[in-house]
Amino acid sequence: MKSICEHKFERPNPKKPDYSRHSHDLAAMTELSIRKNLRTGNFEIFNTRTCQVFWDVPSLAAAVKIANEIEQEENTAAKCGPSCPGKTCGA
């Protein structure tokens, strides 16, 4: 199971500073990805082709839960790992 860390979503995208530089792509056939809206602090699941937001949720854990349901597989967890850039995660 792969893990994604919310600390990776803190840096702004230089071209779209309201959104995180980092995003996490779901299965390619879905054309969906998770990003953080830095203005609201929420995580969004959006279409990578049209940029339409389908889900806007308050936490990465909630976004990952939806993503796992879309992919019909518990293949991702929201947690810090060894490469976590956060200073308080304890990884």
C-alpha atoms as a PDB file:
ATOM      1  CA  MET A   1       0.000   0.000   0.000  1.00  0.00           C
ATOM      2  CA  LYS A   2       1.391   3.404  -0.903  1.00  0.00           C
ATOM      3  CA  SER A   3       1.136   6.370   1.430  1.00  0.00           C
ATOM      4  CA  ILE A   4       0.808  10.055   0.680  1.00  0.00           C
ATOM      5  CA  CYS A   5       1.736  12.736   3.169  1.00  0.00           C
ATOM      6  CA  GLU A   6      -0.173  15.982   3.627  1.00  0.00           C
ATOM      7  CA  HIS A   7       3.104  17.849   4.172  1.00  0.00           C
ATOM      8  CA  LYS A   8       3.939  17.417   0.473  1.00  0.00           C
ATOM      9  CA  PHE A   9       0.903  19.536  -0.414  1.00  0.00           C
ATOM     10  CA  GLU A  10       2.125  22.685   1.382  1.00  0.00           C
ATOM     11  CA  ARG A  11       4.245  24.269  -1.384  1.00  0.00           C
ATOM     12  CA  PRO A  12       2.332  26.447  -3.865  1.00  0.00           C
ATOM     13  CA  ASN A  13       2.291  25.815  -7.587  1.00  0.00           C
ATOM     14  CA  PRO A  14       4.202  28.733  -9.199  1.00  0.00           C
ATOM     15  CA  LYS A  15       1.681  28.891 -12.061  1.00  0.00           C
ATOM     16  CA  LYS A  16      -1.405  28.567  -9.828  1.00  0.00           C
ATOM     17  CA  PRO A  17      -0.403  29.782  -6.329  1.00  0.00           C
ATOM     18  CA  ASP A  18      -3.820  28.996  -4.814  1.00  0.00           C
ATOM     19  CA  TYR A  19      -3.081  25.288  -5.349  1.00  0.00           C
ATOM     20  CA  SER A  20      -0.383  22.914  -4.158  1.00  0.00           C
ATOM     21  CA  ARG A  21       2.572  22.162  -6.366  1.00  0.00           C
ATOM     22  CA  HIS A  22       2.216  18.484  -5.495  1.00  0.00           C
ATOM     23  CA  SER A  23      -0.731  16.432  -6.671  1.00  0.00           C
ATOM     24  CA  HIS A  24      -1.478  12.733  -6.451  1.00  0.00           C
ATOM     25  CA  ASP A  25      -2.872  11.057  -9.560  1.00  0.00           C
ATOM     26  CA  LEU A  26      -5.499   8.362  -9.262  1.00  0.00           C
ATOM     27  CA  ALA A  27      -5.669   5.497 -11.758  1.00  0.00           C
ATOM     28  CA  ALA A  28      -4.905   6.869 -15.242  1.00  0.00           C
ATOM     29  CA  MET A  29      -8.247   5.819 -16.690  1.00  0.00           C
ATOM     30  CA  THR A  30     -10.092   8.110 -14.238  1.00  0.00           C
ATOM     31  CA  GLU A  31      -8.234  11.307 -15.251  1.00  0.00           C
ATOM     32  CA  LEU A  32      -8.546  12.359 -11.589  1.00  0.00           C
ATOM     33  CA  SER A  33      -5.998  13.750  -9.171  1.00  0.00           C
ATOM     34  CA  ILE A  34      -5.858  15.030  -5.568  1.00  0.00           C
ATOM     35  CA  ARG A  35      -4.519  18.524  -4.861  1.00  0.00           C
ATOM     36  CA  LYS A  36      -4.754  20.987  -1.985  1.00  0.00           C
ATOM     37  CA  ASN A  37      -6.499  24.326  -2.344  1.00  0.00           C
ATOM     38  CA  LEU A  38      -4.113  26.504  -0.329  1.00  0.00           C
ATOM     39  CA  ARG A  39      -6.658  29.325  -0.090  1.00  0.00           C
ATOM     40  CA  THR A  40      -9.312  27.182   1.654  1.00  0.00           C
ATOM     41  CA  GLY A  41      -7.076  24.467   3.118  1.00  0.00           C
ATOM     42  CA  ASN A  42      -9.316  21.776   1.619  1.00  0.00           C
ATOM     43  CA  PHE A  43      -8.273  18.887  -0.586  1.00  0.00           C
ATOM     44  CA  GLU A  44      -9.885  18.536  -3.992  1.00  0.00           C
ATOM     45  CA  ILE A  45     -10.346  15.616  -6.341  1.00  0.00           C
ATOM     46  CA  PHE A  46     -10.407  17.102  -9.814  1.00  0.00           C
ATOM     47  CA  ASN A  47     -10.308  16.124 -13.471  1.00  0.00           C
ATOM     48  CA  THR A  48      -6.766  16.639 -14.782  1.00  0.00           C
ATOM     49  CA  ARG A  49      -7.998  17.366 -18.298  1.00  0.00           C
ATOM     50  CA  THR A  50     -10.790  19.875 -17.547  1.00  0.00           C
ATOM     51  CA  CYS A  51      -9.761  21.013 -14.016  1.00  0.00           C
ATOM     52  CA  GLN A  52     -13.366  20.485 -12.871  1.00  0.00           C
ATOM     53  CA  VAL A  53     -13.509  19.797  -9.124  1.00  0.00           C
ATOM     54  CA  PHE A  54     -15.733  16.850  -8.200  1.00  0.00           C
ATOM     55  CA  TRP A  55     -15.020  16.610  -4.450  1.00  0.00           C
ATOM     56  CA  ASP A  56     -13.879  19.302  -2.012  1.00  0.00           C
ATOM     57  CA  VAL A  57     -13.118  17.810   1.404  1.00  0.00           C
ATOM     58  CA  PRO A  58     -11.487  19.103   4.605  1.00  0.00           C
ATOM     59  CA  SER A  59      -8.700  16.525   4.932  1.00  0.00           C
ATOM     60  CA  LEU A  60      -6.311  14.396   2.939  1.00  0.00           C
ATOM     61  CA  ALA A  61      -7.669  11.321   4.726  1.00  0.00           C
ATOM     62  CA  ALA A  62     -11.177  12.096   3.405  1.00  0.00           C
ATOM     63  CA  ALA A  63      -9.816  12.617  -0.127  1.00  0.00           C
ATOM     64  CA  VAL A  64      -7.884   9.336   0.015  1.00  0.00           C
ATOM     65  CA  LYS A  65     -10.989   7.494   1.232  1.00  0.00           C
ATOM     66  CA  ILE A  66     -12.949   8.793  -1.789  1.00  0.00           C
ATOM     67  CA  ALA A  67     -10.040   7.980  -4.119  1.00  0.00           C
ATOM     68  CA  ASN A  68      -9.905   4.390  -2.831  1.00  0.00           C
ATOM     69  CA  GLU A  69     -13.660   4.079  -3.412  1.00  0.00           C
ATOM     70  CA  ILE A  70     -13.297   5.409  -6.979  1.00  0.00           C
ATOM     71  CA  GLU A  71     -10.455   2.994  -7.695  1.00  0.00           C
ATOM     72  CA  GLN A  72     -12.380   0.196  -5.934  1.00  0.00           C
ATOM     73  CA  GLU A  73      -9.239  -0.747  -4.047  1.00  0.00           C
ATOM     74  CA  GLU A  74      -7.701   0.172  -0.690  1.00  0.00           C
ATOM     75  CA  ASN A  75      -4.341   0.947  -2.291  1.00  0.00           C
ATOM     76  CA  THR A  76      -3.472   4.315  -0.728  1.00  0.00           C
ATOM     77  CA  ALA A  77      -3.249   5.644   2.842  1.00  0.00           C
ATOM     78  CA  ALA A  78      -2.921   9.207   4.098  1.00  0.00           C
ATOM     79  CA  LYS A  79       0.094   9.072   6.397  1.00  0.00           C
ATOM     80  CA  CYS A  80       3.632  10.308   6.690  1.00  0.00           C
ATOM     81  CA  GLY A  81       6.409   8.099   5.449  1.00  0.00           C
ATOM     82  CA  PRO A  82      10.215   8.053   5.547  1.00  0.00           C
ATOM     83  CA  SER A  83      10.483  10.785   2.900  1.00  0.00           C
ATOM     84  CA  CYS A  84       8.079  13.148   4.702  1.00  0.00           C
ATOM     85  CA  PRO A  85       9.220  16.782   4.522  1.00  0.00           C
ATOM     86  CA  GLY A  86       7.257  17.654   7.698  1.00  0.00           C
ATOM     87  CA  LYS A  87       9.107  18.392  10.901  1.00  0.00           C
ATOM     88  CA  THR A  88       6.463  17.082  13.331  1.00  0.00           C
ATOM     89  CA  CYS A  89       5.297  13.869  11.690  1.00  0.00           C
ATOM     90  CA  GLY A  90       7.674  11.607  13.593  1.00  0.00           C
ATOM     91  CA  ALA A  91       8.617   9.628  10.492  1.00  0.00           C
END
